[in-house]
Structures are given as structure tokens and as C-alpha cells.
PDB file of N, CA and C in Angstrom:
ATOM      1  N   MET A   1     217.399 -17.443 247.452  1.00  0.00           N
ATOM      2  CA  MET A   1     218.763 -18.168 246.327  1.00  0.00           C
ATOM      3  C   MET A   1     219.468 -16.578 245.928  1.00  0.00           C
ATOM      4  N   ARG A   2     220.629 -16.198 245.784  1.00  0.00           N
ATOM      5  CA  ARG A   2     221.745 -15.501 245.880  1.00  0.00           C
ATOM      6  C   ARG A   2     221.511 -15.372 243.820  1.00  0.00           C
ATOM      7  N   LYS A   3     221.692 -13.967 243.354  1.00  0.00           N
ATOM      8  CA  LYS A   3     221.472 -13.699 242.245  1.00  0.00           C
ATOM      9  C   LYS A   3     222.778 -13.746 241.609  1.00  0.00           C
ATOM     10  N   PRO A   4     223.542 -14.182 240.617  1.00  0.00           N
ATOM     11  CA  PRO A   4     225.325 -14.200 240.224  1.00  0.00           C
ATOM     12  C   PRO A   4     225.506 -12.768 239.801  1.00  0.00           C
ATOM     13  N   THR A   5     226.605 -12.360 240.248  1.00  0.00           N
ATOM     14  CA  THR A   5     226.955 -11.164 239.502  1.00  0.00           C
ATOM     15  C   THR A   5     228.028 -11.061 238.858  1.00  0.00           C
ATOM     16  N   PHE A   6     228.162 -10.761 237.532  1.00  0.00           N
ATOM     17  CA  PHE A   6     228.976 -10.850 235.980  1.00  0.00           C
ATOM     18  C   PHE A   6     229.483  -9.512 236.176  1.00  0.00           C
ATOM     19  N   GLY A   7     230.584  -9.379 236.917  1.00  0.00           N
ATOM     20  CA  GLY A   7     231.973  -7.726 236.960  1.00  0.00           C
ATOM     21  C   GLY A   7     233.673  -8.146 236.489  1.00  0.00           C
ATOM     22  N   SER A   8     234.305  -7.827 235.408  1.00  0.00           N
ATOM     23  CA  SER A   8     235.365  -7.921 235.186  1.00  0.00           C
ATOM     24  C   SER A   8     236.269  -8.091 236.755  1.00  0.00           C
ATOM     25  N   ARG A   9     235.909  -8.140 237.793  1.00  0.00           N
ATOM     26  CA  ARG A   9     237.159  -8.238 238.350  1.00  0.00           C
ATOM     27  C   ARG A   9     237.193  -9.871 238.972  1.00  0.00           C
ATOM     28  N   THR A  10     237.913 -10.013 238.890  1.00  0.00           N
ATOM     29  CA  THR A  10     237.998 -11.403 239.789  1.00  0.00           C
ATOM     30  C   THR A  10     238.956 -12.318 240.600  1.00  0.00           C
ATOM     31  N   GLY A  11     239.517 -11.720 240.741  1.00  0.00           N
ATOM     32  CA  GLY A  11     240.161 -11.536 242.335  1.00  0.00           C
ATOM     33  C   GLY A  11     239.937 -10.626 243.501  1.00  0.00           C
ATOM     34  N   GLY A  12     240.709 -10.666 244.217  1.00  0.00           N
ATOM     35  CA  GLY A  12     240.405  -9.681 245.373  1.00  0.00           C
ATOM     36  C   GLY A  12     239.999  -8.382 245.705  1.00  0.00           C
ATOM     37  N   VAL A  13     239.512  -8.064 246.247  1.00  0.00           N
ATOM     38  CA  VAL A  13     239.997  -6.805 246.349  1.00  0.00           C
ATOM     39  C   VAL A  13     240.742  -5.969 248.431  1.00  0.00           C
ATOM     40  N   LYS A  14     241.705  -4.883 248.909  1.00  0.00           N
ATOM     41  CA  LYS A  14     241.798  -4.696 249.080  1.00  0.00           C
ATOM     42  C   LYS A  14     241.425  -3.075 249.315  1.00  0.00           C
ATOM     43  N   SER A  15     242.253  -2.153 250.596  1.00  0.00           N
ATOM     44  CA  SER A  15     242.025  -1.421 250.363  1.00  0.00           C
ATOM     45  C   SER A  15     243.724  -0.786 250.574  1.00  0.00           C
ATOM     46  N   MET A  16     244.276   0.831 250.279  1.00  0.00           N
ATOM     47  CA  MET A  16     245.391   1.282 250.466  1.00  0.00           C
ATOM     48  C   MET A  16     245.092   2.769 250.633  1.00  0.00           C
ATOM     49  N   LYS A  17     246.356   3.458 250.725  1.00  0.00           N
ATOM     50  CA  LYS A  17     246.757   4.688 250.788  1.00  0.00           C
ATOM     51  C   LYS A  17     246.902   5.294 249.624  1.00  0.00           C
ATOM     52  N   CYS A  18     246.236   6.730 250.110  1.00  0.00           N
ATOM     53  CA  CYS A  18     246.683   7.418 248.513  1.00  0.00           C
ATOM     54  C   CYS A  18     248.114   7.877 248.993  1.00  0.00           C
ATOM     55  N   LYS A  19     248.680   7.620 247.387  1.00  0.00           N
ATOM     56  CA  LYS A  19     250.432   8.185 247.224  1.00  0.00           C
ATOM     57  C   LYS A  19     250.357   9.369 247.675  1.00  0.00           C
ATOM     58  N   ASN A  20     249.633  10.590 247.344  1.00  0.00           N
ATOM     59  CA  ASN A  20     249.828  11.822 247.963  1.00  0.00           C
ATOM     60  C   ASN A  20     249.513  12.177 248.872  1.00  0.00           C
ATOM     61  N   CYS A  21     248.291  12.083 249.680  1.00  0.00           N
ATOM     62  CA  CYS A  21     247.291  12.417 250.905  1.00  0.00           C
ATOM     63  C   CYS A  21     246.962  11.719 251.552  1.00  0.00           C
ATOM     64  N   ASN A  22     247.648   9.902 251.459  1.00  0.00           N
ATOM     65  CA  ASN A  22     247.467   8.656 252.730  1.00  0.00           C
ATOM     66  C   ASN A  22     246.034   8.779 253.187  1.00  0.00           C
ATOM     67  N   ALA A  23     245.183   9.030 251.993  1.00  0.00           N
ATOM     68  CA  ALA A  23     243.774   8.237 252.680  1.00  0.00           C
ATOM     69  C   ALA A  23     243.465   7.183 252.422  1.00  0.00           C
ATOM     70  N   ASP A  24     242.506   6.417 252.302  1.00  0.00           N
ATOM     71  CA  ASP A  24     242.388   5.491 252.904  1.00  0.00           C
ATOM     72  C   ASP A  24     241.446   4.765 251.205  1.00  0.00           C
ATOM     73  N   VAL A  25     241.889   4.983 250.234  1.00  0.00           N
ATOM     74  CA  VAL A  25     241.433   3.971 248.739  1.00  0.00           C
ATOM     75  C   VAL A  25     240.270   2.323 249.101  1.00  0.00           C
ATOM     76  N   HIS A  26     239.727   2.522 249.182  1.00  0.00           N
ATOM     77  CA  HIS A  26     238.530   1.481 249.476  1.00  0.00           C
ATOM     78  C   HIS A  26     238.571   0.344 247.661  1.00  0.00           C
ATOM     79  N   ASN A  27     238.247  -0.330 247.930  1.00  0.00           N
ATOM     80  CA  ASN A  27     238.052  -1.509 247.137  1.00  0.00           C
ATOM     81  C   ASN A  27     239.310  -1.508 245.170  1.00  0.00           C
ATOM     82  N   VAL A  28     240.033  -1.341 245.916  1.00  0.00           N
ATOM     83  CA  VAL A  28     241.163  -1.137 244.687  1.00  0.00           C
ATOM     84  C   VAL A  28     241.571  -2.874 244.463  1.00  0.00           C
ATOM     85  N   ASP A  29     242.179  -3.569 243.226  1.00  0.00           N
ATOM     86  CA  ASP A  29     242.214  -5.173 242.749  1.00  0.00           C
ATOM     87  C   ASP A  29     243.398  -5.010 243.695  1.00  0.00           C
ATOM     88  N   GLU A  30     243.693  -6.645 244.016  1.00  0.00           N
ATOM     89  CA  GLU A  30     244.842  -6.799 244.607  1.00  0.00           C
ATOM     90  C   GLU A  30     246.193  -6.839 244.212  1.00  0.00           C
ATOM     91  N   LYS A  31     245.872  -6.385 242.146  1.00  0.00           N
ATOM     92  CA  LYS A  31     247.724  -6.060 241.907  1.00  0.00           C
ATOM     93  C   LYS A  31     247.373  -4.712 242.065  1.00  0.00           C
ATOM     94  N   THR A  32     247.354  -4.476 242.553  1.00  0.00           N
ATOM     95  CA  THR A  32     247.754  -2.626 242.202  1.00  0.00           C
ATOM     96  C   THR A  32     248.357  -2.222 242.806  1.00  0.00           C
ATOM     97  N   VAL A  33     249.489  -0.978 242.720  1.00  0.00           N
ATOM     98  CA  VAL A  33     250.615  -1.203 243.359  1.00  0.00           C
ATOM     99  C   VAL A  33     250.638   0.434 243.618  1.00  0.00           C
ATOM    100  N   SER A  34     250.155   0.834 243.267  1.00  0.00           N
ATOM    101  CA  SER A  34     249.387   2.257 244.569  1.00  0.00           C
ATOM    102  C   SER A  34     248.533   2.572 243.460  1.00  0.00           C
ATOM    103  N   VAL A  35     247.478   4.211 244.067  1.00  0.00           N
ATOM    104  CA  VAL A  35     246.241   4.276 244.171  1.00  0.00           C
ATOM    105  C   VAL A  35     246.861   5.646 244.339  1.00  0.00           C
ATOM    106  N   THR A  36     245.760   6.455 243.498  1.00  0.00           N
ATOM    107  CA  THR A  36     246.265   8.126 243.577  1.00  0.00           C
ATOM    108  C   THR A  36     244.115   8.229 244.052  1.00  0.00           C
ATOM    109  N   CYS A  37     243.591   8.877 245.333  1.00  0.00           N
ATOM    110  CA  CYS A  37     242.072   9.524 245.868  1.00  0.00           C
ATOM    111  C   CYS A  37     241.728  10.116 244.572  1.00  0.00           C
ATOM    112  N   TRP A  38     240.133  10.315 245.136  1.00  0.00           N
ATOM    113  CA  TRP A  38     239.596  10.936 243.332  1.00  0.00           C
ATOM    114  C   TRP A  38     239.732  12.732 243.341  1.00  0.00           C
ATOM    115  N   LYS A  39     239.853  12.651 245.134  1.00  0.00           N
ATOM    116  CA  LYS A  39     240.105  13.907 245.248  1.00  0.00           C
ATOM    117  C   LYS A  39     241.421  14.883 245.104  1.00  0.00           C
ATOM    118  N   CYS A  40     242.864  14.107 244.982  1.00  0.00           N
ATOM    119  CA  CYS A  40     244.224  14.368 244.006  1.00  0.00           C
ATOM    120  C   CYS A  40     244.315  14.616 243.170  1.00  0.00           C
ATOM    121  N   VAL A  41     243.116  13.740 242.347  1.00  0.00           N
ATOM    122  CA  VAL A  41     242.900  13.670 241.025  1.00  0.00           C
ATOM    123  C   VAL A  41     242.683  14.553 240.423  1.00  0.00           C
ATOM    124  N   ALA A  42     240.636  15.115 241.570  1.00  0.00           N
ATOM    125  CA  ALA A  42     240.605  16.488 241.226  1.00  0.00           C
ATOM    126  C   ALA A  42     241.143  17.916 241.232  1.00  0.00           C
ATOM    127  N   LYS A  43     242.192  17.237 242.405  1.00  0.00           N
ATOM    128  CA  LYS A  43     242.978  18.956 242.486  1.00  0.00           C
ATOM    129  C   LYS A  43     244.110  19.194 240.722  1.00  0.00           C
ATOM    130  N   SER A  44     244.901  17.770 241.143  1.00  0.00           N
ATOM    131  CA  SER A  44     245.666  18.307 239.613  1.00  0.00           C
ATOM    132  C   SER A  44     245.578  18.045 238.975  1.00  0.00           C
ATOM    133  N   ILE A  45     244.209  17.907 238.352  1.00  0.00           N
ATOM    134  CA  ILE A  45     243.519  18.736 237.236  1.00  0.00           C
ATOM    135  C   ILE A  45     242.860  19.733 237.245  1.00  0.00           C
ATOM    136  N   ASN A  46     242.799  20.472 238.542  1.00  0.00           N
ATOM    137  CA  ASN A  46     242.021  21.744 238.056  1.00  0.00           C
ATOM    138  C   ASN A  46     242.734  22.243 240.036  1.00  0.00           C
ATOM    139  N   PRO A  47     244.114  22.787 240.338  1.00  0.00           N
ATOM    140  CA  PRO A  47     244.664  22.821 240.829  1.00  0.00           C
ATOM    141  C   PRO A  47     243.452  23.919 242.162  1.00  0.00           C
ATOM    142  N   HIS A  48     242.397  24.750 241.517  1.00  0.00           N
ATOM    143  CA  HIS A  48     241.369  25.727 241.998  1.00  0.00           C
ATOM    144  C   HIS A  48     240.328  24.828 242.702  1.00  0.00           C
ATOM    145  N   SER A  49     240.052  23.555 241.994  1.00  0.00           N
ATOM    146  CA  SER A  49     239.323  23.241 242.324  1.00  0.00           C
ATOM    147  C   SER A  49     238.319  23.724 243.919  1.00  0.00           C
ATOM    148  N   LEU A  50     237.235  23.630 243.858  1.00  0.00           N
ATOM    149  CA  LEU A  50     236.752  23.617 245.507  1.00  0.00           C
ATOM    150  C   LEU A  50     235.712  22.298 245.815  1.00  0.00           C
ATOM    151  N   ILE A  51     236.898  21.410 246.480  1.00  0.00           N
ATOM    152  CA  ILE A  51     235.921  20.283 247.635  1.00  0.00           C
ATOM    153  C   ILE A  51     235.424  20.863 248.943  1.00  0.00           C
ATOM    154  N   ILE A  52     233.908  20.732 248.851  1.00  0.00           N
ATOM    155  CA  ILE A  52     233.009  21.086 249.304  1.00  0.00           C
ATOM    156  C   ILE A  52     233.829  19.835 251.008  1.00  0.00           C
ATOM    157  N   SER A  53     234.516  18.747 251.358  1.00  0.00           N
ATOM    158  CA  SER A  53     234.270  17.936 252.097  1.00  0.00           C
ATOM    159  C   SER A  53     235.526  18.379 252.604  1.00  0.00           C
ATOM    160  N   ASP A  54     236.747  19.289 252.230  1.00  0.00           N
ATOM    161  CA  ASP A  54     237.936  19.355 253.040  1.00  0.00           C
ATOM    162  C   ASP A  54     237.264  21.194 253.662  1.00  0.00           C
ATOM    163  N   MET A  55     236.103  21.401 253.414  1.00  0.00           N
ATOM    164  CA  MET A  55     235.960  23.153 253.919  1.00  0.00           C
ATOM    165  C   MET A  55     235.484  22.302 255.342  1.00  0.00           C
ATOM    166  N   SER A  56     235.602  23.648 256.719  1.00  0.00           N
ATOM    167  CA  SER A  56     235.132  23.816 257.193  1.00  0.00           C
ATOM    168  C   SER A  56     233.861  23.870 257.983  1.00  0.00           C
ATOM    169  N   GLY A  57     232.752  24.276 258.578  1.00  0.00           N
ATOM    170  CA  GLY A  57     231.568  24.906 258.817  1.00  0.00           C
ATOM    171  C   GLY A  57     231.358  26.457 258.692  1.00  0.00           C
ATOM    172  N   GLU A  58     232.193  26.631 259.315  1.00  0.00           N
ATOM    173  CA  GLU A  58     232.622  28.464 258.598  1.00  0.00           C
ATOM    174  C   GLU A  58     233.203  28.759 257.237  1.00  0.00           C
ATOM    175  N   GLU A  59     234.425  27.589 256.614  1.00  0.00           N
ATOM    176  CA  GLU A  59     234.476  27.710 255.366  1.00  0.00           C
ATOM    177  C   GLU A  59     233.395  27.836 254.709  1.00  0.00           C
ATOM    178  N   LEU A  60     232.951  26.755 254.934  1.00  0.00           N
ATOM    179  CA  LEU A  60     231.092  26.353 254.032  1.00  0.00           C
ATOM    180  C   LEU A  60     230.397  27.420 254.210  1.00  0.00           C
ATOM    181  N   ALA A  61     229.958  27.718 255.633  1.00  0.00           N
ATOM    182  CA  ALA A  61     228.785  29.445 255.119  1.00  0.00           C
ATOM    183  C   ALA A  61     229.057  30.807 254.901  1.00  0.00           C
ATOM    184  N   ARG A  62     230.916  30.692 255.312  1.00  0.00           N
ATOM    185  CA  ARG A  62     231.151  32.020 254.359  1.00  0.00           C
ATOM    186  C   ARG A  62     231.131  31.332 252.544  1.00  0.00           C
ATOM    187  N   PHE A  63     231.677  30.504 252.440  1.00  0.00           N
ATOM    188  CA  PHE A  63     231.130  30.224 250.451  1.00  0.00           C
ATOM    189  C   PHE A  63     229.966  30.843 250.195  1.00  0.00           C
ATOM    190  N   PHE A  64     229.287  29.915 251.336  1.00  0.00           N
ATOM    191  CA  PHE A  64     227.963  29.512 250.776  1.00  0.00           C
ATOM    192  C   PHE A  64     226.708  31.718 250.602  1.00  0.00           C
ATOM    193  N   LYS A  65     227.314  32.026 251.314  1.00  0.00           N
ATOM    194  CA  LYS A  65     226.497  33.627 251.484  1.00  0.00           C
ATOM    195  C   LYS A  65     227.934  34.211 250.877  1.00  0.00           C
ATOM    196  N   LYS A  66     229.475  34.297 249.939  1.00  0.00           N
ATOM    197  CA  LYS A  66     229.197  34.749 249.086  1.00  0.00           C
ATOM    198  C   LYS A  66     228.733  34.518 247.845  1.00  0.00           C
ATOM    199  N   GLN A  67     227.978  33.178 247.858  1.00  0.00           N
ATOM    200  CA  GLN A  67     227.262  32.861 246.401  1.00  0.00           C
ATOM    201  C   GLN A  67     225.924  33.402 246.600  1.00  0.00           C
ATOM    202  N   ARG A  68     224.928  33.808 247.227  1.00  0.00           N
ATOM    203  CA  ARG A  68     224.268  34.217 247.465  1.00  0.00           C
ATOM    204  C   ARG A  68     224.459  35.772 247.401  1.00  0.00           C
ATOM    205  N   GLN A  69     225.820  36.726 247.518  1.00  0.00           N
ATOM    206  CA  GLN A  69     225.366  37.618 247.554  1.00  0.00           C
ATOM    207  C   GLN A  69     226.140  38.018 245.450  1.00  0.00           C
ATOM    208  N   LYS A  70     226.130  37.006 245.530  1.00  0.00           N
ATOM    209  CA  LYS A  70     226.465  37.283 243.847  1.00  0.00           C
ATOM    210  C   LYS A  70     225.520  36.931 243.071  1.00  0.00           C
ATOM    211  N   ASP A  71     224.426  36.175 243.183  1.00  0.00           N
ATOM    212  CA  ASP A  71     223.250  35.579 242.293  1.00  0.00           C
ATOM    213  C   ASP A  71     222.210  36.586 242.679  1.00  0.00           C
ATOM    214  N   GLY A  72     222.320  37.442 243.906  1.00  0.00           N
ATOM    215  CA  GLY A  72     221.342  38.298 244.229  1.00  0.00           C
ATOM    216  C   GLY A  72     220.154  38.287 245.104  1.00  0.00           C
ATOM    217  N   ARG A  73     220.269  36.779 245.117  1.00  0.00           N
ATOM    218  CA  ARG A  73     219.431  36.129 246.129  1.00  0.00           C
ATOM    219  C   ARG A  73     219.413  36.902 247.604  1.00  0.00           C
ATOM    220  N   SER A  74     217.775  36.907 248.096  1.00  0.00           N
ATOM    221  CA  SER A  74     218.440  37.290 249.418  1.00  0.00           C
ATOM    222  C   SER A  74     219.163  36.067 250.734  1.00  0.00           C
ATOM    223  N   GLU A  75     218.803  36.781 252.089  1.00  0.00           N
ATOM    224  CA  GLU A  75     219.013  35.174 252.577  1.00  0.00           C
ATOM    225  C   GLU A  75     218.453  34.887 253.105  1.00  0.00           C
ATOM    226  N   ASN A  76     216.938  34.744 253.021  1.00  0.00           N
ATOM    227  CA  ASN A  76     215.709  34.509 253.471  1.00  0.00           C
ATOM    228  C   ASN A  76     215.308  33.313 253.122  1.00  0.00           C
TER     229      ASN A  76
END
């Protein structure tokens, strides 16, 4: 037997494209007209924010190497 769920959403949900970067945003209320993804919200709050999922493998390795040099840890 399935456990009843209680939530504030009574209608259906849909997926939409972010109005800034066109990324898919899932689980959006069916009455929503436009949506902004979490990455665009983070970048609008702090334009210098670093989003690791946007970085390539090479950029990520350089970033972590730079962080190790700042805090004095060895690379081993």
C-alpha cells in the first residue's frame, strides 16, 4: 500500500527552459510562465561566483592546484 504524500502542489509539473541560459529546469509548476535556473540566480547574486560544474577538467585541476598553493599543503 502506498503512503499518502502531502505537498503544497496540487496541479501538474512540467519542465521549462531557463530564460537566461536555456538550461532545462525540471519540476516547475504548470502555471509558471518563465523560470530562472539556480546557476543564473547564483551568478546574478555574485557575478564572481565559481560554479564547478561549468569548469572543464583542465580548469578544475588548475583551480585545485592554486588552492593547495594558497593554503600551504603539499601536492602529495
